[in-house]
């Protein structure tokens, strides 16, 4: 289920908590977003994904 504003709310909360965030306004495939996000965080040497 999609809720308008959920992406922005999650991004804002993560930023306030200083938690790295990955998402997409244009991609609708959640699997693709996760794969890209995990790759991004691995490249940034994040300890926890």
PDB file of N, CA and C in Angstrom:
ATOM      1  N   UNK A   1       0.837  -1.181   0.000  1.00  0.00           N
ATOM      2  CA  UNK A   1       0.000   0.000   0.000  1.00  0.00           C
ATOM      3  C   UNK A   1       0.879   1.240   0.000  1.00  0.00           C
ATOM      4  N   UNK A   2       0.553   2.199  -0.806  1.00  0.00           N
ATOM      5  CA  UNK A   2       1.299   3.445  -0.925  1.00  0.00           C
ATOM      6  C   UNK A   2       0.577   4.548  -0.171  1.00  0.00           C
ATOM      7  N   UNK A   3       1.337   5.299   0.608  1.00  0.00           N
ATOM      8  CA  UNK A   3       0.750   6.442   1.314  1.00  0.00           C
ATOM      9  C   UNK A   3       1.524   7.684   0.906  1.00  0.00           C
ATOM     10  N   UNK A   4       0.817   8.639   0.336  1.00  0.00           N
ATOM     11  CA  UNK A   4       1.452   9.890  -0.076  1.00  0.00           C
ATOM     12  C   UNK A   4       2.140  10.538   1.112  1.00  0.00           C
ATOM     13  N   UNK A   5       3.378  10.949   0.917  1.00  0.00           N
ATOM     14  CA  UNK A   5       4.125  11.617   1.973  1.00  0.00           C
ATOM     15  C   UNK A   5       4.923  10.682   2.853  1.00  0.00           C
ATOM     16  N   UNK A   6       4.724   9.376   2.738  1.00  0.00           N
ATOM     17  CA  UNK A   6       5.436   8.427   3.593  1.00  0.00           C
ATOM     18  C   UNK A   6       6.941   8.471   3.340  1.00  0.00           C
ATOM     19  N   UNK A   7       7.330   8.556   2.093  1.00  0.00           N
ATOM     20  CA  UNK A   7       8.747   8.622   1.742  1.00  0.00           C
ATOM     21  C   UNK A   7       9.391   9.858   2.368  1.00  0.00           C
ATOM     22  N   UNK A   8       8.744  11.001   2.203  1.00  0.00           N
ATOM     23  CA  UNK A   8       9.283  12.245   2.763  1.00  0.00           C
ATOM     24  C   UNK A   8       9.353  12.195   4.282  1.00  0.00           C
ATOM     25  N   UNK A   9       8.356  11.625   4.901  1.00  0.00           N
ATOM     26  CA  UNK A   9       8.323  11.529   6.360  1.00  0.00           C
ATOM     27  C   UNK A   9       9.456  10.625   6.858  1.00  0.00           C
ATOM     28  N   UNK A  10       9.639   9.492   6.219  1.00  0.00           N
ATOM     29  CA  UNK A  10      10.702   8.577   6.603  1.00  0.00           C
ATOM     30  C   UNK A  10      12.075   9.216   6.404  1.00  0.00           C
ATOM     31  N   UNK A  11      12.249   9.892   5.287  1.00  0.00           N
ATOM     32  CA  UNK A  11      13.523  10.567   5.002  1.00  0.00           C
ATOM     33  C   UNK A  11      13.797  11.647   6.042  1.00  0.00           C
ATOM     34  N   UNK A  12      12.799  12.425   6.381  1.00  0.00           N
ATOM     35  CA  UNK A  12      12.950  13.485   7.372  1.00  0.00           C
ATOM     36  C   UNK A  12      13.310  12.909   8.745  1.00  0.00           C
ATOM     37  N   UNK A  13      12.641  11.858   9.168  1.00  0.00           N
ATOM     38  CA  UNK A  13      12.925  11.232  10.462  1.00  0.00           C
ATOM     39  C   UNK A  13      14.329  10.643  10.499  1.00  0.00           C
ATOM     40  N   UNK A  14      14.752  10.010   9.417  1.00  0.00           N
ATOM     41  CA  UNK A  14      16.097   9.436   9.359  1.00  0.00           C
ATOM     42  C   UNK A  14      17.153  10.539   9.413  1.00  0.00           C
ATOM     43  N   UNK A  15      16.915  11.626   8.715  1.00  0.00           N
ATOM     44  CA  UNK A  15      17.861  12.738   8.712  1.00  0.00           C
ATOM     45  C   UNK A  15      17.980  13.349  10.105  1.00  0.00           C
ATOM     46  N   UNK A  16      16.864  13.547  10.770  1.00  0.00           N
ATOM     47  CA  UNK A  16      16.883  14.097  12.135  1.00  0.00           C
ATOM     48  C   UNK A  16      17.661  13.202  13.089  1.00  0.00           C
ATOM     49  N   UNK A  17      17.545  11.886  12.902  1.00  0.00           N
ATOM     50  CA  UNK A  17      18.217  10.917  13.770  1.00  0.00           C
ATOM     51  C   UNK A  17      19.647  10.622  13.289  1.00  0.00           C
ATOM     52  N   UNK A  18      20.057  11.288  12.214  1.00  0.00           N
ATOM     53  CA  UNK A  18      21.387  11.089  11.612  1.00  0.00           C
ATOM     54  C   UNK A  18      21.613   9.641  11.190  1.00  0.00           C
ATOM     55  N   UNK A  19      20.590   9.076  10.590  1.00  0.00           N
ATOM     56  CA  UNK A  19      20.645   7.711  10.069  1.00  0.00           C
ATOM     57  C   UNK A  19      20.706   7.799   8.542  1.00  0.00           C
ATOM     58  N   UNK A  20      21.693   7.136   7.927  1.00  0.00           N
ATOM     59  CA  UNK A  20      21.755   7.156   6.459  1.00  0.00           C
ATOM     60  C   UNK A  20      20.449   6.630   5.860  1.00  0.00           C
ATOM     61  N   UNK A  21      20.026   7.240   4.769  1.00  0.00           N
ATOM     62  CA  UNK A  21      18.746   6.911   4.160  1.00  0.00           C
ATOM     63  C   UNK A  21      18.926   6.724   2.665  1.00  0.00           C
ATOM     64  N   UNK A  22      18.259   5.734   2.105  1.00  0.00           N
ATOM     65  CA  UNK A  22      18.256   5.533   0.664  1.00  0.00           C
ATOM     66  C   UNK A  22      16.827   5.286   0.216  1.00  0.00           C
ATOM     67  N   UNK A  23      16.427   5.935  -0.831  1.00  0.00           N
ATOM     68  CA  UNK A  23      15.099   5.738  -1.383  1.00  0.00           C
ATOM     69  C   UNK A  23      15.022   6.337  -2.772  1.00  0.00           C
ATOM     70  N   UNK A  24      13.874   6.248  -3.384  1.00  0.00           N
ATOM     71  CA  UNK A  24      13.706   6.762  -4.734  1.00  0.00           C
ATOM     72  C   UNK A  24      12.284   7.299  -4.924  1.00  0.00           C
ATOM     73  N   UNK A  25      12.213   8.469  -5.524  1.00  0.00           N
ATOM     74  CA  UNK A  25      10.906   9.038  -5.872  1.00  0.00           C
ATOM     75  C   UNK A  25      10.361   8.422  -7.157  1.00  0.00           C
ATOM     76  N   UNK A  26      11.251   7.889  -7.990  1.00  0.00           N
ATOM     77  CA  UNK A  26      10.821   7.451  -9.315  1.00  0.00           C
ATOM     78  C   UNK A  26      10.712   5.941  -9.468  1.00  0.00           C
ATOM     79  N   UNK A  27      11.515   5.180  -8.724  1.00  0.00           N
ATOM     80  CA  UNK A  27      11.493   3.712  -8.866  1.00  0.00           C
ATOM     81  C   UNK A  27      10.337   3.131  -8.060  1.00  0.00           C
ATOM     82  N   UNK A  28       9.569   2.242  -8.679  1.00  0.00           N
ATOM     83  CA  UNK A  28       8.421   1.647  -7.992  1.00  0.00           C
ATOM     84  C   UNK A  28       8.668   0.200  -7.554  1.00  0.00           C
ATOM     85  N   UNK A  29       9.765  -0.390  -8.020  1.00  0.00           N
ATOM     86  CA  UNK A  29      10.079  -1.780  -7.667  1.00  0.00           C
ATOM     87  C   UNK A  29      10.863  -1.803  -6.352  1.00  0.00           C
ATOM     88  N   UNK A  30      10.239  -2.287  -5.265  1.00  0.00           N
ATOM     89  CA  UNK A  30      10.914  -2.268  -3.969  1.00  0.00           C
ATOM     90  C   UNK A  30      12.183  -3.112  -3.928  1.00  0.00           C
ATOM     91  N   UNK A  31      12.227  -4.198  -4.683  1.00  0.00           N
ATOM     92  CA  UNK A  31      13.424  -5.045  -4.698  1.00  0.00           C
ATOM     93  C   UNK A  31      14.597  -4.283  -5.311  1.00  0.00           C
ATOM     94  N   UNK A  32      14.343  -3.583  -6.376  1.00  0.00           N
ATOM     95  CA  UNK A  32      15.402  -2.804  -7.030  1.00  0.00           C
ATOM     96  C   UNK A  32      15.919  -1.703  -6.091  1.00  0.00           C
ATOM     97  N   UNK A  33      15.025  -1.058  -5.371  1.00  0.00           N
ATOM     98  CA  UNK A  33      15.423  -0.009  -4.425  1.00  0.00           C
ATOM     99  C   UNK A  33      16.299  -0.603  -3.324  1.00  0.00           C
ATOM    100  N   UNK A  34      15.915  -1.752  -2.802  1.00  0.00           N
ATOM    101  CA  UNK A  34      16.698  -2.390  -1.734  1.00  0.00           C
ATOM    102  C   UNK A  34      18.084  -2.775  -2.237  1.00  0.00           C
ATOM    103  N   UNK A  35      18.156  -3.390  -3.406  1.00  0.00           N
ATOM    104  CA  UNK A  35      19.448  -3.812  -3.955  1.00  0.00           C
ATOM    105  C   UNK A  35      20.354  -2.593  -4.156  1.00  0.00           C
ATOM    106  N   UNK A  36      19.815  -1.526  -4.722  1.00  0.00           N
ATOM    107  CA  UNK A  36      20.605  -0.314  -4.939  1.00  0.00           C
ATOM    108  C   UNK A  36      21.023   0.306  -3.610  1.00  0.00           C
ATOM    109  N   UNK A  37      20.125   0.306  -2.639  1.00  0.00           N
ATOM    110  CA  UNK A  37      20.430   0.872  -1.333  1.00  0.00           C
ATOM    111  C   UNK A  37      21.514   0.092  -0.617  1.00  0.00           C
ATOM    112  N   UNK A  38      21.433  -1.227  -0.632  1.00  0.00           N
ATOM    113  CA  UNK A  38      22.455  -2.058   0.009  1.00  0.00           C
ATOM    114  C   UNK A  38      23.806  -1.833  -0.664  1.00  0.00           C
ATOM    115  N   UNK A  39      23.823  -1.781  -1.980  1.00  0.00           N
ATOM    116  CA  UNK A  39      25.074  -1.514  -2.707  1.00  0.00           C
ATOM    117  C   UNK A  39      25.650  -0.155  -2.318  1.00  0.00           C
ATOM    118  N   UNK A  40      24.789   0.845  -2.222  1.00  0.00           N
ATOM    119  CA  UNK A  40      25.227   2.189  -1.846  1.00  0.00           C
ATOM    120  C   UNK A  40      25.838   2.194  -0.452  1.00  0.00           C
ATOM    121  N   UNK A  41      25.168   1.563   0.496  1.00  0.00           N
ATOM    122  CA  UNK A  41      25.662   1.556   1.870  1.00  0.00           C
ATOM    123  C   UNK A  41      26.941   0.729   2.005  1.00  0.00           C
ATOM    124  N   UNK A  42      27.084  -0.338   1.230  1.00  0.00           N
ATOM    125  CA  UNK A  42      28.324  -1.116   1.244  1.00  0.00           C
ATOM    126  C   UNK A  42      29.484  -0.266   0.761  1.00  0.00           C
ATOM    127  N   UNK A  43      29.257   0.507  -0.318  1.00  0.00           N
ATOM    128  CA  UNK A  43      30.299   1.372  -0.852  1.00  0.00           C
ATOM    129  C   UNK A  43      30.698   2.454   0.146  1.00  0.00           C
ATOM    130  N   UNK A  44      29.750   2.862   1.004  1.00  0.00           N
ATOM    131  CA  UNK A  44      30.011   3.872   2.032  1.00  0.00           C
ATOM    132  C   UNK A  44      30.550   3.251   3.315  1.00  0.00           C
ATOM    133  N   UNK A  45      30.800   1.933   3.286  1.00  0.00           N
ATOM    134  CA  UNK A  45      31.325   1.195   4.443  1.00  0.00           C
ATOM    135  C   UNK A  45      30.480   1.344   5.686  1.00  0.00           C
ATOM    136  N   UNK A  46      29.175   1.288   5.540  1.00  0.00           N
ATOM    137  CA  UNK A  46      28.281   1.345   6.682  1.00  0.00           C
ATOM    138  C   UNK A  46      28.389   0.041   7.470  1.00  0.00           C
ATOM    139  N   UNK A  47      28.395   0.145   8.785  1.00  0.00           N
ATOM    140  CA  UNK A  47      28.526  -1.025   9.644  1.00  0.00           C
ATOM    141  C   UNK A  47      27.222  -1.828   9.721  1.00  0.00           C
ATOM    142  N   UNK A  48      26.111  -1.147   9.622  1.00  0.00           N
ATOM    143  CA  UNK A  48      24.812  -1.783   9.769  1.00  0.00           C
ATOM    144  C   UNK A  48      23.907  -1.335   8.633  1.00  0.00           C
ATOM    145  N   UNK A  49      23.310  -2.307   7.967  1.00  0.00           N
ATOM    146  CA  UNK A  49      22.421  -1.982   6.849  1.00  0.00           C
ATOM    147  C   UNK A  49      21.058  -2.551   7.166  1.00  0.00           C
TER     148      UNK A  49
END
